[in-house]
Amino acid sequence: MANIIDAITTQWTIYPDGQGHFALGSPDGRTLQQGETVEIALGGLWIPGVIMWNHGSDYFTALADGAVCGLCAGMQVRPFQDADVAADRNGQFREWWGRCQLWGKEGLQ
């Protein structure tokens, strides 16, 4: 059933499932599994990566560079689809992140 839902739904909000992990669409939704590949909306971009679990803490590891981001309630996720598209999106993310870091340095001067 999850595959049918994944094919129909384009994105979900994630919620704590009450068991230390995150679920799709509601606390009763399908739990994101360790090793599952998804895209997460960060800074207005869709970043492809993998869901990981570590001692009660769920996090996301970007496929392009291994950058890690903790999962939080309210984040938007969608199924990971295409490696070529993913590479382009990761490039856009690295460019956006570089601009953020540059802006932070300039703002402190």
PDB file of N, CA and C in Angstrom:
ATOM      1  N   MET A   1       0.817  -1.200   0.000  1.00  0.00           N
ATOM      2  CA  MET A   1       0.000   0.000   0.000  1.00  0.00           C
ATOM      3  C   MET A   1       0.861   1.264   0.000  1.00  0.00           C
ATOM      4  N   ALA A   2       1.986   1.258   0.698  1.00  0.00           N
ATOM      5  CA  ALA A   2       2.834   2.451   0.762  1.00  0.00           C
ATOM      6  C   ALA A   2       3.327   2.853  -0.625  1.00  0.00           C
ATOM      7  N   ASN A   3       3.619   1.889  -1.487  1.00  0.00           N
ATOM      8  CA  ASN A   3       4.091   2.222  -2.828  1.00  0.00           C
ATOM      9  C   ASN A   3       3.026   2.949  -3.631  1.00  0.00           C
ATOM     10  N   ILE A   4       1.772   2.561  -3.478  1.00  0.00           N
ATOM     11  CA  ILE A   4       0.676   3.249  -4.167  1.00  0.00           C
ATOM     12  C   ILE A   4       0.562   4.670  -3.649  1.00  0.00           C
ATOM     13  N   ILE A   5       0.648   4.851  -2.338  1.00  0.00           N
ATOM     14  CA  ILE A   5       0.574   6.185  -1.749  1.00  0.00           C
ATOM     15  C   ILE A   5       1.750   7.025  -2.223  1.00  0.00           C
ATOM     16  N   ASP A   6       2.961   6.445  -2.218  1.00  0.00           N
ATOM     17  CA  ASP A   6       4.147   7.171  -2.661  1.00  0.00           C
ATOM     18  C   ASP A   6       3.994   7.649  -4.101  1.00  0.00           C
ATOM     19  N   ALA A   7       3.407   6.827  -4.959  1.00  0.00           N
ATOM     20  CA  ALA A   7       3.266   7.177  -6.367  1.00  0.00           C
ATOM     21  C   ALA A   7       2.241   8.286  -6.574  1.00  0.00           C
ATOM     22  N   ILE A   8       1.253   8.388  -5.700  1.00  0.00           N
ATOM     23  CA  ILE A   8       0.185   9.374  -5.853  1.00  0.00           C
ATOM     24  C   ILE A   8       0.550  10.698  -5.192  1.00  0.00           C
ATOM     25  N   THR A   9       1.097  10.643  -3.993  1.00  0.00           N
ATOM     26  CA  THR A   9       1.387  11.845  -3.218  1.00  0.00           C
ATOM     27  C   THR A   9       2.745  12.399  -3.632  1.00  0.00           C
ATOM     28  N   THR A  10       2.812  13.703  -3.869  1.00  0.00           N
ATOM     29  CA  THR A  10       4.080  14.288  -4.287  1.00  0.00           C
ATOM     30  C   THR A  10       4.943  14.726  -3.115  1.00  0.00           C
ATOM     31  N   GLN A  11       4.341  15.167  -2.018  1.00  0.00           N
ATOM     32  CA  GLN A  11       5.130  15.549  -0.851  1.00  0.00           C
ATOM     33  C   GLN A  11       4.284  15.469   0.403  1.00  0.00           C
ATOM     34  N   TRP A  12       4.978  15.362   1.547  1.00  0.00           N
ATOM     35  CA  TRP A  12       4.300  15.283   2.835  1.00  0.00           C
ATOM     36  C   TRP A  12       4.990  16.172   3.847  1.00  0.00           C
ATOM     37  N   THR A  13       4.238  16.530   4.868  1.00  0.00           N
ATOM     38  CA  THR A  13       4.800  17.103   6.080  1.00  0.00           C
ATOM     39  C   THR A  13       5.112  15.926   6.993  1.00  0.00           C
ATOM     40  N   ILE A  14       6.241  15.974   7.716  1.00  0.00           N
ATOM     41  CA  ILE A  14       6.561  14.878   8.624  1.00  0.00           C
ATOM     42  C   ILE A  14       6.206  15.257  10.065  1.00  0.00           C
ATOM     43  N   TYR A  15       5.826  14.238  10.847  1.00  0.00           N
ATOM     44  CA  TYR A  15       5.415  14.406  12.229  1.00  0.00           C
ATOM     45  C   TYR A  15       6.063  13.324  13.085  1.00  0.00           C
ATOM     46  N   PRO A  16       6.349  13.612  14.375  1.00  0.00           N
ATOM     47  CA  PRO A  16       6.834  12.558  15.261  1.00  0.00           C
ATOM     48  C   PRO A  16       5.789  11.446  15.339  1.00  0.00           C
ATOM     49  N   ASP A  17       6.249  10.191  15.298  1.00  0.00           N
ATOM     50  CA  ASP A  17       5.309   9.068  15.328  1.00  0.00           C
ATOM     51  C   ASP A  17       5.061   8.528  16.734  1.00  0.00           C
ATOM     52  N   GLY A  18       5.656   9.160  17.755  1.00  0.00           N
ATOM     53  CA  GLY A  18       5.460   8.722  19.132  1.00  0.00           C
ATOM     54  C   GLY A  18       6.367   7.569  19.531  1.00  0.00           C
ATOM     55  N   GLN A  19       7.203   7.102  18.595  1.00  0.00           N
ATOM     56  CA  GLN A  19       8.111   5.993  18.883  1.00  0.00           C
ATOM     57  C   GLN A  19       9.557   6.364  18.556  1.00  0.00           C
ATOM     58  N   GLY A  20       9.839   7.667  18.540  1.00  0.00           N
ATOM     59  CA  GLY A  20      11.200   8.126  18.315  1.00  0.00           C
ATOM     60  C   GLY A  20      11.585   8.351  16.864  1.00  0.00           C
ATOM     61  N   HIS A  21      10.648   8.251  15.958  1.00  0.00           N
ATOM     62  CA  HIS A  21      10.935   8.450  14.540  1.00  0.00           C
ATOM     63  C   HIS A  21       9.922   9.425  13.948  1.00  0.00           C
ATOM     64  N   PHE A  22       9.928   9.576  12.629  1.00  0.00           N
ATOM     65  CA  PHE A  22       9.023  10.506  11.962  1.00  0.00           C
ATOM     66  C   PHE A  22       8.150   9.767  10.966  1.00  0.00           C
ATOM     67  N   ALA A  23       6.890  10.241  10.854  1.00  0.00           N
ATOM     68  CA  ALA A  23       5.905   9.621   9.972  1.00  0.00           C
ATOM     69  C   ALA A  23       5.443  10.634   8.924  1.00  0.00           C
ATOM     70  N   LEU A  24       4.953  10.125   7.821  1.00  0.00           N
ATOM     71  CA  LEU A  24       4.482  10.947   6.712  1.00  0.00           C
ATOM     72  C   LEU A  24       3.032  11.354   6.888  1.00  0.00           C
ATOM     73  N   GLY A  25       2.768  12.660   6.827  1.00  0.00           N
ATOM     74  CA  GLY A  25       1.397  13.155   6.782  1.00  0.00           C
ATOM     75  C   GLY A  25       0.691  13.302   8.110  1.00  0.00           C
ATOM     76  N   SER A  26       1.009  12.477   9.096  1.00  0.00           N
ATOM     77  CA  SER A  26       0.400  12.551  10.420  1.00  0.00           C
ATOM     78  C   SER A  26       1.204  11.631  11.336  1.00  0.00           C
ATOM     79  N   PRO A  27       1.012  11.750  12.657  1.00  0.00           N
ATOM     80  CA  PRO A  27       1.717  10.834  13.563  1.00  0.00           C
ATOM     81  C   PRO A  27       1.377   9.368  13.305  1.00  0.00           C
ATOM     82  N   ASP A  28       0.214   9.112  12.698  1.00  0.00           N
ATOM     83  CA  ASP A  28      -0.202   7.738  12.395  1.00  0.00           C
ATOM     84  C   ASP A  28       0.231   7.282  11.007  1.00  0.00           C
ATOM     85  N   GLY A  29       0.900   8.149  10.249  1.00  0.00           N
ATOM     86  CA  GLY A  29       1.299   7.812   8.882  1.00  0.00           C
ATOM     87  C   GLY A  29       2.428   6.799   8.830  1.00  0.00           C
ATOM     88  N   ARG A  30       2.852   6.509   7.615  1.00  0.00           N
ATOM     89  CA  ARG A  30       3.945   5.551   7.424  1.00  0.00           C
ATOM     90  C   ARG A  30       5.241   6.145   7.962  1.00  0.00           C
ATOM     91  N   THR A  31       5.962   5.374   8.771  1.00  0.00           N
ATOM     92  CA  THR A  31       7.213   5.827   9.365  1.00  0.00           C
ATOM     93  C   THR A  31       8.326   5.825   8.319  1.00  0.00           C
ATOM     94  N   LEU A  32       9.091   6.924   8.286  1.00  0.00           N
ATOM     95  CA  LEU A  32      10.277   6.962   7.434  1.00  0.00           C
ATOM     96  C   LEU A  32      11.270   5.933   7.946  1.00  0.00           C
ATOM     97  N   GLN A  33      11.789   5.112   7.065  1.00  0.00           N
ATOM     98  CA  GLN A  33      12.681   4.013   7.446  1.00  0.00           C
ATOM     99  C   GLN A  33      14.150   4.386   7.242  1.00  0.00           C
ATOM    100  N   GLN A  34      14.999   3.823   8.085  1.00  0.00           N
ATOM    101  CA  GLN A  34      16.431   4.010   7.908  1.00  0.00           C
ATOM    102  C   GLN A  34      16.836   3.502   6.531  1.00  0.00           C
ATOM    103  N   GLY A  35      17.627   4.306   5.816  1.00  0.00           N
ATOM    104  CA  GLY A  35      18.077   3.938   4.480  1.00  0.00           C
ATOM    105  C   GLY A  35      17.134   4.358   3.367  1.00  0.00           C
ATOM    106  N   GLU A  36      15.975   4.885   3.722  1.00  0.00           N
ATOM    107  CA  GLU A  36      15.009   5.329   2.703  1.00  0.00           C
ATOM    108  C   GLU A  36      15.533   6.596   2.025  1.00  0.00           C
ATOM    109  N   THR A  37      15.458   6.628   0.698  1.00  0.00           N
ATOM    110  CA  THR A  37      15.905   7.810  -0.034  1.00  0.00           C
ATOM    111  C   THR A  37      14.712   8.727  -0.288  1.00  0.00           C
ATOM    112  N   VAL A  38      14.884   9.989   0.066  1.00  0.00           N
ATOM    113  CA  VAL A  38      13.850  11.006  -0.095  1.00  0.00           C
ATOM    114  C   VAL A  38      14.523  12.313  -0.498  1.00  0.00           C
ATOM    115  N   GLU A  39      13.712  13.292  -0.814  1.00  0.00           N
ATOM    116  CA  GLU A  39      14.179  14.660  -0.974  1.00  0.00           C
ATOM    117  C   GLU A  39      13.520  15.487   0.125  1.00  0.00           C
ATOM    118  N   ILE A  40      14.282  16.400   0.716  1.00  0.00           N
ATOM    119  CA  ILE A  40      13.767  17.268   1.768  1.00  0.00           C
ATOM    120  C   ILE A  40      13.890  18.714   1.291  1.00  0.00           C
ATOM    121  N   ALA A  41      12.854  19.513   1.561  1.00  0.00           N
ATOM    122  CA  ALA A  41      12.881  20.930   1.210  1.00  0.00           C
ATOM    123  C   ALA A  41      13.709  21.687   2.248  1.00  0.00           C
ATOM    124  N   LEU A  42      14.825  22.253   1.789  1.00  0.00           N
ATOM    125  CA  LEU A  42      15.693  23.072   2.649  1.00  0.00           C
ATOM    126  C   LEU A  42      16.035  24.350   1.895  1.00  0.00           C
ATOM    127  N   GLY A  43      15.751  25.483   2.478  1.00  0.00           N
ATOM    128  CA  GLY A  43      16.079  26.750   1.845  1.00  0.00           C
ATOM    129  C   GLY A  43      15.422  26.947   0.493  1.00  0.00           C
ATOM    130  N   GLY A  44      14.236  26.380   0.315  1.00  0.00           N
ATOM    131  CA  GLY A  44      13.516  26.524  -0.937  1.00  0.00           C
ATOM    132  C   GLY A  44      13.966  25.572  -2.038  1.00  0.00           C
ATOM    133  N   LEU A  45      14.888  24.661  -1.730  1.00  0.00           N
ATOM    134  CA  LEU A  45      15.373  23.688  -2.701  1.00  0.00           C
ATOM    135  C   LEU A  45      15.068  22.278  -2.216  1.00  0.00           C
ATOM    136  N   TRP A  46      14.885  21.360  -3.145  1.00  0.00           N
ATOM    137  CA  TRP A  46      14.687  19.946  -2.818  1.00  0.00           C
ATOM    138  C   TRP A  46      16.036  19.248  -2.861  1.00  0.00           C
ATOM    139  N   ILE A  47      16.473  18.736  -1.701  1.00  0.00           N
ATOM    140  CA  ILE A  47      17.781  18.112  -1.562  1.00  0.00           C
ATOM    141  C   ILE A  47      17.598  16.600  -1.411  1.00  0.00           C
ATOM    142  N   PRO A  48      18.160  15.798  -2.325  1.00  0.00           N
ATOM    143  CA  PRO A  48      18.043  14.345  -2.211  1.00  0.00           C
ATOM    144  C   PRO A  48      19.014  13.791  -1.182  1.00  0.00           C
ATOM    145  N   GLY A  49      18.556  12.771  -0.469  1.00  0.00           N
ATOM    146  CA  GLY A  49      19.414  12.144   0.519  1.00  0.00           C
ATOM    147  C   GLY A  49      18.778  10.908   1.120  1.00  0.00           C
ATOM    148  N   VAL A  50      19.330  10.492   2.241  1.00  0.00           N
ATOM    149  CA  VAL A  50      18.952   9.239   2.886  1.00  0.00           C
ATOM    150  C   VAL A  50      18.550   9.502   4.327  1.00  0.00           C
ATOM    151  N   ILE A  51      17.487   8.831   4.781  1.00  0.00           N
ATOM    152  CA  ILE A  51      17.062   8.897   6.176  1.00  0.00           C
ATOM    153  C   ILE A  51      17.946   7.957   6.994  1.00  0.00           C
ATOM    154  N   MET A  52      18.442   8.436   8.116  1.00  0.00           N
ATOM    155  CA  MET A  52      19.273   7.619   9.009  1.00  0.00           C
ATOM    156  C   MET A  52      18.724   7.715  10.431  1.00  0.00           C
ATOM    157  N   TRP A  53      18.925   6.642  11.191  1.00  0.00           N
ATOM    158  CA  TRP A  53      18.529   6.613  12.606  1.00  0.00           C
ATOM    159  C   TRP A  53      19.788   6.413  13.431  1.00  0.00           C
ATOM    160  N   ASN A  54      19.864   7.109  14.573  1.00  0.00           N
ATOM    161  CA  ASN A  54      21.012   6.945  15.460  1.00  0.00           C
ATOM    162  C   ASN A  54      20.584   7.191  16.894  1.00  0.00           C
ATOM    163  N   HIS A  55      20.422   6.153  17.666  1.00  0.00           N
ATOM    164  CA  HIS A  55      20.104   6.239  19.093  1.00  0.00           C
ATOM    165  C   HIS A  55      18.928   7.179  19.373  1.00  0.00           C
ATOM    166  N   GLY A  56      17.814   6.945  18.723  1.00  0.00           N
ATOM    167  CA  GLY A  56      16.614   7.732  18.971  1.00  0.00           C
ATOM    168  C   GLY A  56      16.579   9.069  18.273  1.00  0.00           C
ATOM    169  N   SER A  57      17.532   9.344  17.421  1.00  0.00           N
ATOM    170  CA  SER A  57      17.567  10.603  16.683  1.00  0.00           C
ATOM    171  C   SER A  57      17.550  10.303  15.188  1.00  0.00           C
ATOM    172  N   ASP A  58      16.566  10.843  14.486  1.00  0.00           N
ATOM    173  CA  ASP A  58      16.482  10.663  13.041  1.00  0.00           C
ATOM    174  C   ASP A  58      17.148  11.850  12.363  1.00  0.00           C
ATOM    175  N   TYR A  59      17.854  11.583  11.295  1.00  0.00           N
ATOM    176  CA  TYR A  59      18.476  12.662  10.551  1.00  0.00           C
ATOM    177  C   TYR A  59      18.521  12.319   9.074  1.00  0.00           C
ATOM    178  N   PHE A  60      18.906  13.308   8.278  1.00  0.00           N
ATOM    179  CA  PHE A  60      18.945  13.233   6.828  1.00  0.00           C
ATOM    180  C   PHE A  60      20.384  13.478   6.388  1.00  0.00           C
ATOM    181  N   THR A  61      20.890  12.632   5.501  1.00  0.00           N
ATOM    182  CA  THR A  61      22.230  12.813   4.947  1.00  0.00           C
ATOM    183  C   THR A  61      22.104  13.084   3.456  1.00  0.00           C
ATOM    184  N   ALA A  62      22.599  14.252   3.014  1.00  0.00           N
ATOM    185  CA  ALA A  62      22.536  14.624   1.596  1.00  0.00           C
ATOM    186  C   ALA A  62      23.395  13.683   0.767  1.00  0.00           C
ATOM    187  N   LEU A  63      22.884  13.263  -0.392  1.00  0.00           N
ATOM    188  CA  LEU A  63      23.616  12.346  -1.258  1.00  0.00           C
ATOM    189  C   LEU A  63      24.851  12.993  -1.876  1.00  0.00           C
ATOM    190  N   ALA A  64      24.793  14.272  -2.171  1.00  0.00           N
ATOM    191  CA  ALA A  64      25.879  14.919  -2.902  1.00  0.00           C
ATOM    192  C   ALA A  64      27.163  15.013  -2.100  1.00  0.00           C
ATOM    193  N   ASP A  65      27.045  15.392  -0.820  1.00  0.00           N
ATOM    194  CA  ASP A  65      28.269  15.656  -0.062  1.00  0.00           C
ATOM    195  C   ASP A  65      28.264  15.083   1.348  1.00  0.00           C
ATOM    196  N   GLY A  66      27.220  14.369   1.726  1.00  0.00           N
ATOM    197  CA  GLY A  66      27.180  13.769   3.053  1.00  0.00           C
ATOM    198  C   GLY A  66      26.816  14.738   4.166  1.00  0.00           C
ATOM    199  N   ALA A  67      26.407  15.967   3.810  1.00  0.00           N
ATOM    200  CA  ALA A  67      25.987  16.924   4.838  1.00  0.00           C
ATOM    201  C   ALA A  67      24.807  16.342   5.614  1.00  0.00           C
ATOM    202  N   VAL A  68      24.773  16.591   6.924  1.00  0.00           N
ATOM    203  CA  VAL A  68      23.760  16.010   7.795  1.00  0.00           C
ATOM    204  C   VAL A  68      22.831  17.098   8.308  1.00  0.00           C
ATOM    205  N   CYS A  69      21.539  16.783   8.364  1.00  0.00           N
ATOM    206  CA  CYS A  69      20.529  17.692   8.893  1.00  0.00           C
ATOM    207  C   CYS A  69      19.578  16.876   9.762  1.00  0.00           C
ATOM    208  N   GLY A  70      19.348  17.300  10.988  1.00  0.00           N
ATOM    209  CA  GLY A  70      18.380  16.625  11.838  1.00  0.00           C
ATOM    210  C   GLY A  70      16.978  16.815  11.302  1.00  0.00           C
ATOM    211  N   LEU A  71      16.123  15.820  11.504  1.00  0.00           N
ATOM    212  CA  LEU A  71      14.729  15.936  11.078  1.00  0.00           C
ATOM    213  C   LEU A  71      13.927  16.653  12.154  1.00  0.00           C
ATOM    214  N   CYS A  72      12.970  17.470  11.722  1.00  0.00           N
ATOM    215  CA  CYS A  72      12.103  18.221  12.628  1.00  0.00           C
ATOM    216  C   CYS A  72      10.661  18.105  12.147  1.00  0.00           C
ATOM    217  N   ALA A  73       9.739  18.113  13.093  1.00  0.00           N
ATOM    218  CA  ALA A  73       8.323  18.127  12.744  1.00  0.00           C
ATOM    219  C   ALA A  73       8.038  19.333  11.860  1.00  0.00           C
ATOM    220  N   GLY A  74       7.237  19.107  10.821  1.00  0.00           N
ATOM    221  CA  GLY A  74       6.861  20.179   9.917  1.00  0.00           C
ATOM    222  C   GLY A  74       7.702  20.254   8.652  1.00  0.00           C
ATOM    223  N   MET A  75       8.824  19.523   8.608  1.00  0.00           N
ATOM    224  CA  MET A  75       9.619  19.505   7.375  1.00  0.00           C
ATOM    225  C   MET A  75       8.816  18.867   6.252  1.00  0.00           C
ATOM    226  N   GLN A  76       9.138  19.263   5.019  1.00  0.00           N
ATOM    227  CA  GLN A  76       8.495  18.700   3.834  1.00  0.00           C
ATOM    228  C   GLN A  76       9.425  17.684   3.190  1.00  0.00           C
ATOM    229  N   VAL A  77       8.902  16.502   2.884  1.00  0.00           N
ATOM    230  CA  VAL A  77       9.674  15.461   2.203  1.00  0.00           C
ATOM    231  C   VAL A  77       8.862  14.932   1.027  1.00  0.00           C
ATOM    232  N   ARG A  78       9.575  14.355   0.067  1.00  0.00           N
ATOM    233  CA  ARG A  78       8.914  13.690  -1.051  1.00  0.00           C
ATOM    234  C   ARG A  78       9.799  12.526  -1.496  1.00  0.00           C
ATOM    235  N   PRO A  79       9.232  11.595  -2.262  1.00  0.00           N
ATOM    236  CA  PRO A  79      10.038  10.449  -2.720  1.00  0.00           C
ATOM    237  C   PRO A  79      11.193  10.910  -3.599  1.00  0.00           C
ATOM    238  N   PHE A  80      12.303  10.232  -3.493  1.00  0.00           N
ATOM    239  CA  PHE A  80      13.455  10.488  -4.356  1.00  0.00           C
ATOM    240  C   PHE A  80      13.213   9.803  -5.686  1.00  0.00           C
ATOM    241  N   GLN A  81      13.438  10.520  -6.794  1.00  0.00           N
ATOM    242  CA  GLN A  81      13.073   9.994  -8.096  1.00  0.00           C
ATOM    243  C   GLN A  81      14.246   9.762  -9.045  1.00  0.00           C
ATOM    244  N   ASP A  82      15.037  10.772  -9.337  1.00  0.00           N
ATOM    245  CA  ASP A  82      15.934  10.736 -10.491  1.00  0.00           C
ATOM    246  C   ASP A  82      17.337  11.204 -10.103  1.00  0.00           C
ATOM    247  N   ALA A  83      18.337  10.396 -10.360  1.00  0.00           N
ATOM    248  CA  ALA A  83      19.705  10.726  -9.975  1.00  0.00           C
ATOM    249  C   ALA A  83      20.230  11.960 -10.714  1.00  0.00           C
ATOM    250  N   ASP A  84      19.884  12.137 -11.989  1.00  0.00           N
ATOM    251  CA  ASP A  84      20.353  13.313 -12.735  1.00  0.00           C
ATOM    252  C   ASP A  84      19.753  14.595 -12.176  1.00  0.00           C
ATOM    253  N   VAL A  85      18.472  14.560 -11.887  1.00  0.00           N
ATOM    254  CA  VAL A  85      17.800  15.720 -11.286  1.00  0.00           C
ATOM    255  C   VAL A  85      18.387  15.982  -9.907  1.00  0.00           C
ATOM    256  N   ALA A  86      18.650  14.934  -9.156  1.00  0.00           N
ATOM    257  CA  ALA A  86      19.210  15.069  -7.812  1.00  0.00           C
ATOM    258  C   ALA A  86      20.565  15.766  -7.858  1.00  0.00           C
ATOM    259  N   ALA A  87      21.412  15.412  -8.805  1.00  0.00           N
ATOM    260  CA  ALA A  87      22.733  16.026  -8.906  1.00  0.00           C
ATOM    261  C   ALA A  87      22.603  17.527  -9.163  1.00  0.00           C
ATOM    262  N   ASP A  88      21.680  17.910 -10.038  1.00  0.00           N
ATOM    263  CA  ASP A  88      21.454  19.322 -10.325  1.00  0.00           C
ATOM    264  C   ASP A  88      20.955  20.050  -9.078  1.00  0.00           C
ATOM    265  N   ARG A  89      20.025  19.436  -8.354  1.00  0.00           N
ATOM    266  CA  ARG A  89      19.489  20.080  -7.144  1.00  0.00           C
ATOM    267  C   ARG A  89      20.561  20.224  -6.077  1.00  0.00           C
ATOM    268  N   ASN A  90      21.427  19.235  -5.935  1.00  0.00           N
ATOM    269  CA  ASN A  90      22.500  19.345  -4.961  1.00  0.00           C
ATOM    270  C   ASN A  90      23.464  20.460  -5.331  1.00  0.00           C
ATOM    271  N   GLY A  91      23.721  20.647  -6.612  1.00  0.00           N
ATOM    272  CA  GLY A  91      24.554  21.757  -7.051  1.00  0.00           C
ATOM    273  C   GLY A  91      23.923  23.093  -6.693  1.00  0.00           C
ATOM    274  N   GLN A  92      22.614  23.200  -6.881  1.00  0.00           N
ATOM    275  CA  GLN A  92      21.899  24.423  -6.511  1.00  0.00           C
ATOM    276  C   GLN A  92      21.991  24.653  -5.005  1.00  0.00           C
ATOM    277  N   PHE A  93      21.885  23.582  -4.216  1.00  0.00           N
ATOM    278  CA  PHE A  93      21.969  23.723  -2.769  1.00  0.00           C
ATOM    279  C   PHE A  93      23.350  24.216  -2.346  1.00  0.00           C
ATOM    280  N   ARG A  94      24.409  23.640  -2.922  1.00  0.00           N
ATOM    281  CA  ARG A  94      25.763  24.071  -2.558  1.00  0.00           C
ATOM    282  C   ARG A  94      25.958  25.545  -2.897  1.00  0.00           C
ATOM    283  N   GLU A  95      25.420  25.986  -4.028  1.00  0.00           N
ATOM    284  CA  GLU A  95      25.517  27.399  -4.404  1.00  0.00           C
ATOM    285  C   GLU A  95      24.756  28.272  -3.406  1.00  0.00           C
ATOM    286  N   TRP A  96      23.546  27.873  -3.040  1.00  0.00           N
ATOM    287  CA  TRP A  96      22.738  28.619  -2.059  1.00  0.00           C
ATOM    288  C   TRP A  96      23.447  28.661  -0.712  1.00  0.00           C
ATOM    289  N   TRP A  97      23.999  27.527  -0.278  1.00  0.00           N
ATOM    290  CA  TRP A  97      24.675  27.464   1.021  1.00  0.00           C
ATOM    291  C   TRP A  97      25.909  28.364   1.021  1.00  0.00           C
ATOM    292  N   GLY A  98      26.644  28.400  -0.067  1.00  0.00           N
ATOM    293  CA  GLY A  98      27.805  29.283  -0.174  1.00  0.00           C
ATOM    294  C   GLY A  98      27.407  30.746  -0.052  1.00  0.00           C
ATOM    295  N   ARG A  99      26.289  31.111  -0.678  1.00  0.00           N
ATOM    296  CA  ARG A  99      25.804  32.499  -0.569  1.00  0.00           C
ATOM    297  C   ARG A  99      25.416  32.810   0.873  1.00  0.00           C
ATOM    298  N   CYS A 100      24.788  31.857   1.565  1.00  0.00           N
ATOM    299  CA  CYS A 100      24.398  32.074   2.961  1.00  0.00           C
ATOM    300  C   CYS A 100      25.627  32.303   3.837  1.00  0.00           C
ATOM    301  N   GLN A 101      26.658  31.487   3.633  1.00  0.00           N
ATOM    302  CA  GLN A 101      27.872  31.634   4.437  1.00  0.00           C
ATOM    303  C   GLN A 101      28.560  32.955   4.140  1.00  0.00           C
ATOM    304  N   LEU A 102      28.618  33.364   2.875  1.00  0.00           N
ATOM    305  CA  LEU A 102      29.216  34.636   2.499  1.00  0.00           C
ATOM    306  C   LEU A 102      28.424  35.775   3.112  1.00  0.00           C
ATOM    307  N   TRP A 103      27.109  35.726   3.052  1.00  0.00           N
ATOM    308  CA  TRP A 103      26.270  36.783   3.623  1.00  0.00           C
ATOM    309  C   TRP A 103      26.497  36.882   5.125  1.00  0.00           C
ATOM    310  N   GLY A 104      26.626  35.742   5.802  1.00  0.00           N
ATOM    311  CA  GLY A 104      26.868  35.746   7.241  1.00  0.00           C
ATOM    312  C   GLY A 104      28.172  36.424   7.591  1.00  0.00           C
ATOM    313  N   LYS A 105      29.220  36.184   6.815  1.00  0.00           N
ATOM    314  CA  LYS A 105      30.527  36.806   7.059  1.00  0.00           C
ATOM    315  C   LYS A 105      30.464  38.309   6.808  1.00  0.00           C
ATOM    316  N   GLU A 106      29.810  38.697   5.719  1.00  0.00           N
ATOM    317  CA  GLU A 106      29.702  40.115   5.391  1.00  0.00           C
ATOM    318  C   GLU A 106      28.846  40.848   6.415  1.00  0.00           C
ATOM    319  N   GLY A 107      27.806  40.169   6.914  1.00  0.00           N
ATOM    320  CA  GLY A 107      26.915  40.787   7.895  1.00  0.00           C
ATOM    321  C   GLY A 107      27.583  41.039   9.233  1.00  0.00           C
ATOM    322  N   LEU A 108      28.632  40.275   9.552  1.00  0.00           N
ATOM    323  CA  LEU A 108      29.322  40.425  10.833  1.00  0.00           C
ATOM    324  C   LEU A 108      30.393  41.513  10.794  1.00  0.00           C
ATOM    325  N   GLN A 109      30.797  41.980   9.631  1.00  0.00           N
ATOM    326  CA  GLN A 109      31.869  42.969   9.516  1.00  0.00           C
ATOM    327  C   GLN A 109      31.396  44.364   9.836  1.00  0.00           C
TER     328      GLN A 109
END
